[in-house]
All heavy atoms as atom14 arrays in JSON, in Angstrom:
{
  "sequence": "KSFALINDDPDAPMGTWVHWVVYNIPADVTSLEENVLPEETLANGAM",
  "atom14_mask": [
    [1, 1, 1, 1, 1, 1, 1, 1, 1, 0, 0, 0, 0, 0],
    [1, 1, 1, 1, 1, 1, 0, 0, 0, 0, 0, 0, 0, 0],
    [1, 1, 1, 1, 1, 1, 1, 1, 1, 1, 1, 0, 0, 0],
    [1, 1, 1, 1, 1, 0, 0, 0, 0, 0, 0, 0, 0, 0],
    [1, 1, 1, 1, 1, 1, 1, 1, 0, 0, 0, 0, 0, 0],
    [1, 1, 1, 1, 1, 1, 1, 1, 0, 0, 0, 0, 0, 0],
    [1, 1, 1, 1, 1, 1, 1, 1, 0, 0, 0, 0, 0, 0],
    [1, 1, 1, 1, 1, 1, 1, 1, 0, 0, 0, 0, 0, 0],
    [1, 1, 1, 1, 1, 1, 1, 1, 0, 0, 0, 0, 0, 0],
    [1, 1, 1, 1, 1, 1, 1, 0, 0, 0, 0, 0, 0, 0],
    [1, 1, 1, 1, 1, 1, 1, 1, 0, 0, 0, 0, 0, 0],
    [1, 1, 1, 1, 1, 0, 0, 0, 0, 0, 0, 0, 0, 0],
    [1, 1, 1, 1, 1, 1, 1, 0, 0, 0, 0, 0, 0, 0],
    [1, 1, 1, 1, 1, 1, 1, 1, 0, 0, 0, 0, 0, 0],
    [1, 1, 1, 1, 0, 0, 0, 0, 0, 0, 0, 0, 0, 0],
    [1, 1, 1, 1, 1, 1, 1, 0, 0, 0, 0, 0, 0, 0],
    [1, 1, 1, 1, 1, 1, 1, 1, 1, 1, 1, 1, 1, 1],
    [1, 1, 1, 1, 1, 1, 1, 0, 0, 0, 0, 0, 0, 0],
    [1, 1, 1, 1, 1, 1, 1, 1, 1, 1, 0, 0, 0, 0],
    [1, 1, 1, 1, 1, 1, 1, 1, 1, 1, 1, 1, 1, 1],
    [1, 1, 1, 1, 1, 1, 1, 0, 0, 0, 0, 0, 0, 0],
    [1, 1, 1, 1, 1, 1, 1, 0, 0, 0, 0, 0, 0, 0],
    [1, 1, 1, 1, 1, 1, 1, 1, 1, 1, 1, 1, 0, 0],
    [1, 1, 1, 1, 1, 1, 1, 1, 0, 0, 0, 0, 0, 0],
    [1, 1, 1, 1, 1, 1, 1, 1, 0, 0, 0, 0, 0, 0],
    [1, 1, 1, 1, 1, 1, 1, 0, 0, 0, 0, 0, 0, 0],
    [1, 1, 1, 1, 1, 0, 0, 0, 0, 0, 0, 0, 0, 0],
    [1, 1, 1, 1, 1, 1, 1, 1, 0, 0, 0, 0, 0, 0],
    [1, 1, 1, 1, 1, 1, 1, 0, 0, 0, 0, 0, 0, 0],
    [1, 1, 1, 1, 1, 1, 1, 0, 0, 0, 0, 0, 0, 0],
    [1, 1, 1, 1, 1, 1, 0, 0, 0, 0, 0, 0, 0, 0],
    [1, 1, 1, 1, 1, 1, 1, 1, 0, 0, 0, 0, 0, 0],
    [1, 1, 1, 1, 1, 1, 1, 1, 1, 0, 0, 0, 0, 0],
    [1, 1, 1, 1, 1, 1, 1, 1, 1, 0, 0, 0, 0, 0],
    [1, 1, 1, 1, 1, 1, 1, 1, 0, 0, 0, 0, 0, 0],
    [1, 1, 1, 1, 1, 1, 1, 0, 0, 0, 0, 0, 0, 0],
    [1, 1, 1, 1, 1, 1, 1, 1, 0, 0, 0, 0, 0, 0],
    [1, 1, 1, 1, 1, 1, 1, 0, 0, 0, 0, 0, 0, 0],
    [1, 1, 1, 1, 1, 1, 1, 1, 1, 0, 0, 0, 0, 0],
    [1, 1, 1, 1, 1, 1, 1, 1, 1, 0, 0, 0, 0, 0],
    [1, 1, 1, 1, 1, 1, 1, 0, 0, 0, 0, 0, 0, 0],
    [1, 1, 1, 1, 1, 1, 1, 1, 0, 0, 0, 0, 0, 0],
    [1, 1, 1, 1, 1, 0, 0, 0, 0, 0, 0, 0, 0, 0],
    [1, 1, 1, 1, 1, 1, 1, 1, 0, 0, 0, 0, 0, 0],
    [1, 1, 1, 1, 0, 0, 0, 0, 0, 0, 0, 0, 0, 0],
    [1, 1, 1, 1, 1, 0, 0, 0, 0, 0, 0, 0, 0, 0],
    [1, 1, 1, 1, 1, 1, 1, 1, 0, 0, 0, 0, 0, 0]
  ],
  "atom14_positions": [
    [[-10.57, 3.82, 4.91], [-9.69, 2.84, 5.53], [-8.35, 2.61, 4.76], [-7.32, 2.27, 5.34], [-10.35, 1.54, 5.81], [-11.62, 1.59, 6.72], [-11.22, 1.79, 8.0], [-12.41, 1.56, 9.04], [-13.46, 2.4, 8.87], [0.0, 0.0, 0.0], [0.0, 0.0, 0.0], [0.0, 0.0, 0.0], [0.0, 0.0, 0.0], [0.0, 0.0, 0.0]],
    [[-8.41, 2.88, 3.44], [-7.23, 2.67, 2.66], [-7.43, 3.32, 1.29], [-8.57, 3.8, 0.94], [-6.9, 1.18, 2.44], [-7.93, 0.55, 1.51], [0.0, 0.0, 0.0], [0.0, 0.0, 0.0], [0.0, 0.0, 0.0], [0.0, 0.0, 0.0], [0.0, 0.0, 0.0], [0.0, 0.0, 0.0], [0.0, 0.0, 0.0], [0.0, 0.0, 0.0]],
    [[-6.29, 3.45, 0.59], [-6.38, 3.91, -0.83], [-5.78, 2.9, -1.79], [-5.01, 1.89, -1.37], [-5.49, 5.22, -0.99], [-5.94, 6.38, -0.3], [-5.49, 6.72, 0.92], [-6.93, 7.16, -0.8], [-6.02, 7.89, 1.63], [-7.5, 8.28, -0.18], [-6.93, 8.7, 0.98], [0.0, 0.0, 0.0], [0.0, 0.0, 0.0], [0.0, 0.0, 0.0]],
    [[-6.28, 2.94, -2.99], [-5.64, 2.09, -4.05], [-5.31, 3.11, -5.3], [-6.05, 3.95, -5.51], [-6.6, 1.03, -4.52], [0.0, 0.0, 0.0], [0.0, 0.0, 0.0], [0.0, 0.0, 0.0], [0.0, 0.0, 0.0], [0.0, 0.0, 0.0], [0.0, 0.0, 0.0], [0.0, 0.0, 0.0], [0.0, 0.0, 0.0], [0.0, 0.0, 0.0]],
    [[-4.23, 2.69, -6.01], [-3.8, 3.35, -7.2], [-3.59, 2.49, -8.25], [-3.05, 1.35, -8.18], [-2.44, 4.13, -6.91], [-1.99, 4.9, -8.09], [-1.18, 6.14, -7.57], [-1.01, 4.02, -8.95], [0.0, 0.0, 0.0], [0.0, 0.0, 0.0], [0.0, 0.0, 0.0], [0.0, 0.0, 0.0], [0.0, 0.0, 0.0], [0.0, 0.0, 0.0]],
    [[-4.21, 2.79, -9.41], [-4.14, 2.03, -10.57], [-3.69, 3.03, -11.73], [-4.26, 3.94, -11.92], [-5.43, 1.28, -10.99], [-5.76, 0.23, -9.96], [-5.28, 0.6, -12.42], [-7.11, -0.41, -10.22], [0.0, 0.0, 0.0], [0.0, 0.0, 0.0], [0.0, 0.0, 0.0], [0.0, 0.0, 0.0], [0.0, 0.0, 0.0], [0.0, 0.0, 0.0]],
    [[-2.61, 2.46, -12.47], [-2.03, 3.3, -13.55], [-2.18, 2.41, -14.76], [-1.61, 1.4, -14.85], [-0.65, 3.74, -13.18], [0.1, 4.43, -14.4], [1.2, 4.07, -14.55], [-0.55, 5.23, -15.18], [0.0, 0.0, 0.0], [0.0, 0.0, 0.0], [0.0, 0.0, 0.0], [0.0, 0.0, 0.0], [0.0, 0.0, 0.0], [0.0, 0.0, 0.0]],
    [[-2.86, 3.05, -15.82], [-2.96, 2.13, -17.02], [-3.06, 3.18, -18.23], [-3.14, 4.26, -18.14], [-4.16, 1.24, -16.94], [-5.52, 1.88, -16.75], [-5.67, 3.1, -17.01], [-6.42, 1.22, -16.28], [0.0, 0.0, 0.0], [0.0, 0.0, 0.0], [0.0, 0.0, 0.0], [0.0, 0.0, 0.0], [0.0, 0.0, 0.0], [0.0, 0.0, 0.0]],
    [[-2.9, 2.47, -19.34], [-2.91, 3.1, -20.73], [-3.92, 2.52, -21.61], [-3.82, 1.37, -22.07], [-1.51, 2.89, -21.3], [-1.43, 3.28, -22.89], [-2.38, 3.94, -23.39], [-0.41, 2.87, -23.5], [0.0, 0.0, 0.0], [0.0, 0.0, 0.0], [0.0, 0.0, 0.0], [0.0, 0.0, 0.0], [0.0, 0.0, 0.0], [0.0, 0.0, 0.0]],
    [[-5.07, 3.25, -21.71], [-6.11, 2.79, -22.57], [-5.89, 2.83, -24.07], [-6.66, 2.3, -24.86], [-7.36, 3.62, -22.2], [-6.67, 4.94, -21.82], [-5.42, 4.63, -21.24], [0.0, 0.0, 0.0], [0.0, 0.0, 0.0], [0.0, 0.0, 0.0], [0.0, 0.0, 0.0], [0.0, 0.0, 0.0], [0.0, 0.0, 0.0], [0.0, 0.0, 0.0]],
    [[-4.84, 3.47, -24.43], [-4.54, 3.66, -25.92], [-3.57, 2.49, -26.46], [-3.18, 2.62, -27.59], [-3.85, 5.01, -26.15], [-4.81, 6.11, -25.72], [-6.0, 6.01, -25.83], [-4.25, 7.08, -25.08], [0.0, 0.0, 0.0], [0.0, 0.0, 0.0], [0.0, 0.0, 0.0], [0.0, 0.0, 0.0], [0.0, 0.0, 0.0], [0.0, 0.0, 0.0]],
    [[-3.22, 1.55, -25.64], [-2.34, 0.44, -26.05], [-3.01, -0.29, -27.22], [-4.28, -0.59, -27.16], [-1.92, -0.38, -24.94], [0.0, 0.0, 0.0], [0.0, 0.0, 0.0], [0.0, 0.0, 0.0], [0.0, 0.0, 0.0], [0.0, 0.0, 0.0], [0.0, 0.0, 0.0], [0.0, 0.0, 0.0], [0.0, 0.0, 0.0], [0.0, 0.0, 0.0]],
    [[-2.31, -0.72, -28.18], [-2.91, -1.47, -29.38], [-3.54, -2.7, -29.06], [-4.52, -3.14, -29.65], [-1.66, -1.7, -30.32], [-0.47, -1.41, -29.42], [-0.89, -0.56, -28.29], [0.0, 0.0, 0.0], [0.0, 0.0, 0.0], [0.0, 0.0, 0.0], [0.0, 0.0, 0.0], [0.0, 0.0, 0.0], [0.0, 0.0, 0.0], [0.0, 0.0, 0.0]],
    [[-3.11, -3.49, -27.92], [-3.8, -4.77, -27.61], [-4.86, -4.53, -26.56], [-5.33, -5.51, -25.99], [-2.71, -5.73, -27.0], [-1.54, -5.92, -28.05], [-2.01, -7.01, -29.28], [-2.16, -8.54, -28.41], [0.0, 0.0, 0.0], [0.0, 0.0, 0.0], [0.0, 0.0, 0.0], [0.0, 0.0, 0.0], [0.0, 0.0, 0.0], [0.0, 0.0, 0.0]],
    [[-5.32, -3.24, -26.26], [-6.27, -3.07, -25.26], [-5.61, -2.31, -24.09], [-4.3, -2.16, -24.0], [0.0, 0.0, 0.0], [0.0, 0.0, 0.0], [0.0, 0.0, 0.0], [0.0, 0.0, 0.0], [0.0, 0.0, 0.0], [0.0, 0.0, 0.0], [0.0, 0.0, 0.0], [0.0, 0.0, 0.0], [0.0, 0.0, 0.0], [0.0, 0.0, 0.0]],
    [[-6.27, -2.01, -23.04], [-5.69, -1.17, -21.84], [-4.56, -1.97, -21.23], [-4.65, -3.12, -20.99], [-6.77, -0.9, -20.84], [-7.89, -0.23, -21.42], [-6.28, -0.25, -19.68], [0.0, 0.0, 0.0], [0.0, 0.0, 0.0], [0.0, 0.0, 0.0], [0.0, 0.0, 0.0], [0.0, 0.0, 0.0], [0.0, 0.0, 0.0], [0.0, 0.0, 0.0]],
    [[-3.46, -1.23, -21.08], [-2.19, -1.89, -20.57], [-1.93, -1.31, -19.18], [-1.93, -0.15, -18.93], [-1.06, -1.57, -21.45], [0.26, -2.28, -21.07], [1.22, -1.84, -20.32], [0.59, -3.59, -21.54], [2.25, -2.8, -20.18], [1.93, -3.89, -20.96], [0.05, -4.53, -22.4], [2.55, -5.07, -21.16], [0.74, -5.72, -22.68], [1.93, -5.95, -22.07]],
    [[-1.75, -2.19, -18.18], [-1.62, -1.92, -16.76], [-0.19, -1.67, -16.51], [0.73, -2.56, -16.63], [-2.24, -2.89, -15.88], [-2.04, -2.53, -14.51], [-3.63, -3.16, -16.16], [0.0, 0.0, 0.0], [0.0, 0.0, 0.0], [0.0, 0.0, 0.0], [0.0, 0.0, 0.0], [0.0, 0.0, 0.0], [0.0, 0.0, 0.0], [0.0, 0.0, 0.0]],
    [[0.19, -0.5, -16.02], [1.52, 0.03, -15.6], [1.83, -0.07, -14.2], [3.07, -0.15, -13.82], [1.77, 1.38, -16.22], [1.99, 1.49, -17.72], [3.15, 1.42, -18.37], [0.92, 1.4, -18.58], [3.03, 1.47, -19.63], [1.72, 1.44, -19.88], [0.0, 0.0, 0.0], [0.0, 0.0, 0.0], [0.0, 0.0, 0.0], [0.0, 0.0, 0.0]],
    [[0.83, -0.01, -13.3], [1.19, 0.11, -11.9], [-0.08, -0.22, -11.07], [-1.2, 0.23, -11.48], [1.74, 1.5, -11.56], [2.47, 1.5, -10.32], [3.04, 0.7, -9.46], [2.89, 2.83, -9.66], [3.64, 1.23, -8.39], [3.57, 2.61, -8.52], [2.48, 4.26, -9.95], [4.03, 3.6, -7.68], [2.97, 5.16, -9.16], [3.74, 4.96, -8.06]],
    [[0.0, -1.1, -10.03], [-1.1, -1.42, -9.06], [-0.5, -1.29, -7.74], [0.41, -2.02, -7.32], [-1.69, -2.72, -9.42], [-2.8, -3.02, -8.43], [-2.2, -2.89, -10.91], [0.0, 0.0, 0.0], [0.0, 0.0, 0.0], [0.0, 0.0, 0.0], [0.0, 0.0, 0.0], [0.0, 0.0, 0.0], [0.0, 0.0, 0.0], [0.0, 0.0, 0.0]],
    [[-1.15, -0.43, -6.97], [-0.77, -0.29, -5.45], [-2.09, -0.25, -4.68], [-2.95, 0.46, -5.04], [0.08, 0.97, -5.29], [0.54, 0.97, -3.8], [1.19, 1.19, -6.27], [0.0, 0.0, 0.0], [0.0, 0.0, 0.0], [0.0, 0.0, 0.0], [0.0, 0.0, 0.0], [0.0, 0.0, 0.0], [0.0, 0.0, 0.0], [0.0, 0.0, 0.0]],
    [[-2.13, -1.06, -3.65], [-3.42, -1.09, -2.9], [-3.04, -1.28, -1.37], [-1.97, -1.5, -1.01], [-4.34, -2.25, -3.4], [-3.57, -3.58, -3.52], [-3.74, -4.56, -2.56], [-2.94, -3.84, -4.68], [-3.16, -5.83, -2.69], [-2.27, -5.09, -4.83], [-2.31, -6.08, -3.8], [-1.73, -7.34, -3.98], [0.0, 0.0, 0.0], [0.0, 0.0, 0.0]],
    [[-4.15, -1.15, -0.54], [-3.97, -1.11, 0.83], [-2.78, -0.04, 1.36], [-2.26, -0.23, 2.38], [-3.5, -2.53, 1.48], [-4.68, -3.51, 1.38], [-5.88, -3.06, 1.27], [-4.46, -4.73, 1.48], [0.0, 0.0, 0.0], [0.0, 0.0, 0.0], [0.0, 0.0, 0.0], [0.0, 0.0, 0.0], [0.0, 0.0, 0.0], [0.0, 0.0, 0.0]],
    [[-2.97, 1.05, 0.71], [-2.18, 2.24, 1.08], [-2.94, 2.8, 2.32], [-4.19, 2.97, 2.34], [-2.16, 3.37, 0.0], [-1.6, 2.74, -1.28], [-1.45, 4.57, 0.46], [-1.71, 3.64, -2.55], [0.0, 0.0, 0.0], [0.0, 0.0, 0.0], [0.0, 0.0, 0.0], [0.0, 0.0, 0.0], [0.0, 0.0, 0.0], [0.0, 0.0, 0.0]],
    [[-2.21, 2.99, 3.41], [-2.93, 3.43, 4.7], [-3.74, 4.68, 4.49], [-3.31, 5.62, 3.7], [-1.74, 3.66, 5.65], [-0.75, 2.67, 5.14], [-0.8, 2.68, 3.64], [0.0, 0.0, 0.0], [0.0, 0.0, 0.0], [0.0, 0.0, 0.0], [0.0, 0.0, 0.0], [0.0, 0.0, 0.0], [0.0, 0.0, 0.0], [0.0, 0.0, 0.0]],
    [[-4.76, 4.94, 5.15], [-5.72, 5.99, 5.05], [-4.97, 7.42, 5.31], [-5.48, 8.33, 4.85], [-6.87, 5.92, 5.94], [0.0, 0.0, 0.0], [0.0, 0.0, 0.0], [0.0, 0.0, 0.0], [0.0, 0.0, 0.0], [0.0, 0.0, 0.0], [0.0, 0.0, 0.0], [0.0, 0.0, 0.0], [0.0, 0.0, 0.0], [0.0, 0.0, 0.0]],
    [[-3.92, 7.3, 6.11], [-3.29, 8.59, 6.44], [-2.15, 8.98, 5.38], [-1.52, 9.97, 5.61], [-2.84, 8.62, 7.94], [-1.77, 7.49, 8.13], [-1.62, 6.67, 7.25], [-1.01, 7.56, 9.14], [0.0, 0.0, 0.0], [0.0, 0.0, 0.0], [0.0, 0.0, 0.0], [0.0, 0.0, 0.0], [0.0, 0.0, 0.0], [0.0, 0.0, 0.0]],
    [[-1.97, 8.09, 4.37], [-0.98, 8.41, 3.41], [-1.56, 9.11, 2.19], [-2.64, 8.49, 1.66], [-0.24, 7.08, 3.03], [0.79, 7.26, 1.88], [0.54, 6.46, 4.19], [0.0, 0.0, 0.0], [0.0, 0.0, 0.0], [0.0, 0.0, 0.0], [0.0, 0.0, 0.0], [0.0, 0.0, 0.0], [0.0, 0.0, 0.0], [0.0, 0.0, 0.0]],
    [[-1.17, 10.19, 1.74], [-1.76, 10.89, 0.6], [-0.72, 11.14, -0.49], [-0.9, 12.03, -1.22], [-2.38, 12.21, 1.05], [-1.43, 12.88, 1.68], [-3.66, 11.92, 1.85], [0.0, 0.0, 0.0], [0.0, 0.0, 0.0], [0.0, 0.0, 0.0], [0.0, 0.0, 0.0], [0.0, 0.0, 0.0], [0.0, 0.0, 0.0], [0.0, 0.0, 0.0]],
    [[0.34, 10.37, -0.63], [1.27, 10.47, -1.66], [2.19, 9.26, -1.81], [2.32, 8.44, -0.71], [2.15, 11.76, -1.42], [3.03, 11.55, -0.3], [0.0, 0.0, 0.0], [0.0, 0.0, 0.0], [0.0, 0.0, 0.0], [0.0, 0.0, 0.0], [0.0, 0.0, 0.0], [0.0, 0.0, 0.0], [0.0, 0.0, 0.0], [0.0, 0.0, 0.0]],
    [[2.76, 9.08, -2.91], [3.79, 8.04, -3.23], [4.93, 8.83, -3.78], [4.81, 9.52, -4.78], [3.25, 7.03, -4.19], [2.23, 6.0, -3.67], [1.63, 5.12, -4.77], [2.8, 5.17, -2.47], [0.0, 0.0, 0.0], [0.0, 0.0, 0.0], [0.0, 0.0, 0.0], [0.0, 0.0, 0.0], [0.0, 0.0, 0.0], [0.0, 0.0, 0.0]],
    [[6.1, 8.63, -3.18], [7.16, 9.37, -3.64], [7.74, 8.8, -4.97], [7.43, 7.75, -5.3], [8.36, 9.32, -2.6], [8.11, 9.91, -1.18], [9.16, 9.88, -0.15], [10.22, 9.25, -0.63], [8.97, 10.32, 0.89], [0.0, 0.0, 0.0], [0.0, 0.0, 0.0], [0.0, 0.0, 0.0], [0.0, 0.0, 0.0], [0.0, 0.0, 0.0]],
    [[8.55, 9.63, -5.58], [9.33, 9.24, -6.79], [10.1, 7.94, -6.51], [10.56, 7.74, -5.42], [10.14, 10.34, -7.32], [11.1, 10.05, -8.41], [12.05, 11.13, -8.64], [13.07, 11.2, -8.11], [11.64, 12.03, -9.52], [0.0, 0.0, 0.0], [0.0, 0.0, 0.0], [0.0, 0.0, 0.0], [0.0, 0.0, 0.0], [0.0, 0.0, 0.0]],
    [[10.11, 7.12, -7.49], [10.95, 5.85, -7.46], [10.56, 4.91, -6.48], [11.45, 4.48, -5.64], [12.49, 6.3, -7.31], [13.37, 5.08, -7.7], [12.98, 4.11, -8.39], [14.63, 5.2, -7.16], [0.0, 0.0, 0.0], [0.0, 0.0, 0.0], [0.0, 0.0, 0.0], [0.0, 0.0, 0.0], [0.0, 0.0, 0.0], [0.0, 0.0, 0.0]],
    [[9.26, 4.52, -6.38], [8.91, 3.43, -5.55], [9.44, 2.17, -6.01], [9.29, 1.79, -7.1], [7.32, 3.3, -5.48], [6.81, 2.16, -4.71], [6.65, 4.61, -4.94], [0.0, 0.0, 0.0], [0.0, 0.0, 0.0], [0.0, 0.0, 0.0], [0.0, 0.0, 0.0], [0.0, 0.0, 0.0], [0.0, 0.0, 0.0], [0.0, 0.0, 0.0]],
    [[10.19, 1.5, -5.04], [11.0, 0.3, -5.48], [9.99, -0.81, -5.86], [8.85, -0.87, -5.27], [11.89, -0.08, -4.37], [12.99, 0.87, -4.11], [13.85, 0.42, -2.9], [13.85, 1.25, -5.4], [0.0, 0.0, 0.0], [0.0, 0.0, 0.0], [0.0, 0.0, 0.0], [0.0, 0.0, 0.0], [0.0, 0.0, 0.0], [0.0, 0.0, 0.0]],
    [[10.35, -1.76, -6.7], [9.47, -2.91, -7.03], [9.37, -3.95, -6.01], [9.79, -5.11, -6.23], [10.1, -3.39, -8.35], [11.52, -2.98, -8.27], [11.6, -1.79, -7.42], [0.0, 0.0, 0.0], [0.0, 0.0, 0.0], [0.0, 0.0, 0.0], [0.0, 0.0, 0.0], [0.0, 0.0, 0.0], [0.0, 0.0, 0.0], [0.0, 0.0, 0.0]],
    [[8.94, -3.73, -4.79], [8.81, -4.54, -3.73], [7.37, -4.93, -3.47], [6.45, -4.05, -3.72], [9.35, -3.94, -2.48], [10.8, -3.61, -2.57], [11.3, -2.68, -1.39], [10.44, -2.06, -0.61], [12.52, -2.62, -1.16], [0.0, 0.0, 0.0], [0.0, 0.0, 0.0], [0.0, 0.0, 0.0], [0.0, 0.0, 0.0], [0.0, 0.0, 0.0]],
    [[7.08, -6.16, -3.1], [5.68, -6.54, -2.88], [5.0, -5.72, -1.86], [3.82, -5.34, -1.96], [5.72, -8.04, -2.58], [6.1, -8.98, -3.56], [5.96, -10.49, -3.23], [5.79, -10.74, -2.02], [6.06, -11.29, -4.18], [0.0, 0.0, 0.0], [0.0, 0.0, 0.0], [0.0, 0.0, 0.0], [0.0, 0.0, 0.0], [0.0, 0.0, 0.0]],
    [[5.64, -5.49, -0.73], [5.06, -4.62, 0.32], [6.0, -3.46, 0.66], [7.17, -3.62, 0.79], [4.93, -5.5, 1.64], [4.13, -6.67, 1.29], [4.2, -4.71, 2.78], [0.0, 0.0, 0.0], [0.0, 0.0, 0.0], [0.0, 0.0, 0.0], [0.0, 0.0, 0.0], [0.0, 0.0, 0.0], [0.0, 0.0, 0.0], [0.0, 0.0, 0.0]],
    [[5.4, -2.3, 0.75], [6.15, -1.01, 0.96], [6.38, -0.8, 2.39], [5.72, -1.47, 3.25], [5.44, 0.1, 0.32], [5.23, 0.02, -1.27], [4.49, 1.23, -1.79], [6.49, -0.31, -2.0], [0.0, 0.0, 0.0], [0.0, 0.0, 0.0], [0.0, 0.0, 0.0], [0.0, 0.0, 0.0], [0.0, 0.0, 0.0], [0.0, 0.0, 0.0]],
    [[7.24, 0.08, 2.74], [7.53, 0.34, 4.21], [6.22, 0.85, 4.96], [6.08, 0.54, 6.15], [8.61, 1.43, 4.33], [0.0, 0.0, 0.0], [0.0, 0.0, 0.0], [0.0, 0.0, 0.0], [0.0, 0.0, 0.0], [0.0, 0.0, 0.0], [0.0, 0.0, 0.0], [0.0, 0.0, 0.0], [0.0, 0.0, 0.0], [0.0, 0.0, 0.0]],
    [[5.34, 1.56, 4.19], [4.13, 1.96, 4.95], [3.01, 0.91, 5.03], [1.93, 1.19, 5.41], [3.62, 3.24, 4.26], [3.25, 2.97, 2.72], [2.99, 1.99, 2.29], [3.09, 4.11, 1.99], [0.0, 0.0, 0.0], [0.0, 0.0, 0.0], [0.0, 0.0, 0.0], [0.0, 0.0, 0.0], [0.0, 0.0, 0.0], [0.0, 0.0, 0.0]],
    [[3.34, -0.31, 4.45], [2.29, -1.44, 4.46], [1.49, -1.51, 3.25], [0.83, -2.57, 3.12], [0.0, 0.0, 0.0], [0.0, 0.0, 0.0], [0.0, 0.0, 0.0], [0.0, 0.0, 0.0], [0.0, 0.0, 0.0], [0.0, 0.0, 0.0], [0.0, 0.0, 0.0], [0.0, 0.0, 0.0], [0.0, 0.0, 0.0], [0.0, 0.0, 0.0]],
    [[1.61, -0.6, 2.3], [0.9, -0.74, 1.01], [1.5, -1.98, 0.31], [2.68, -2.36, 0.45], [1.09, 0.54, 0.22], [0.0, 0.0, 0.0], [0.0, 0.0, 0.0], [0.0, 0.0, 0.0], [0.0, 0.0, 0.0], [0.0, 0.0, 0.0], [0.0, 0.0, 0.0], [0.0, 0.0, 0.0], [0.0, 0.0, 0.0], [0.0, 0.0, 0.0]],
    [[0.69, -2.52, -0.53], [1.06, -3.72, -1.33], [1.09, -3.33, -2.83], [0.18, -2.51, -3.28], [0.05, -4.9, -1.2], [0.04, -5.4, 0.23], [-1.21, -6.67, 0.39], [-0.98, -7.07, 2.12], [0.0, 0.0, 0.0], [0.0, 0.0, 0.0], [0.0, 0.0, 0.0], [0.0, 0.0, 0.0], [0.0, 0.0, 0.0], [0.0, 0.0, 0.0]]
  ]
}
């Protein structure tokens, strides 16, 4: 029904550092283009 993407760095000195969180990506979407703008809700409905 949806996809979620989590981007993190487990090698950060203070513990795993989270660089990107995207969720509720529609099930028919199988990519995120370069330079996703820092908006709460994307054009495809993902958050």
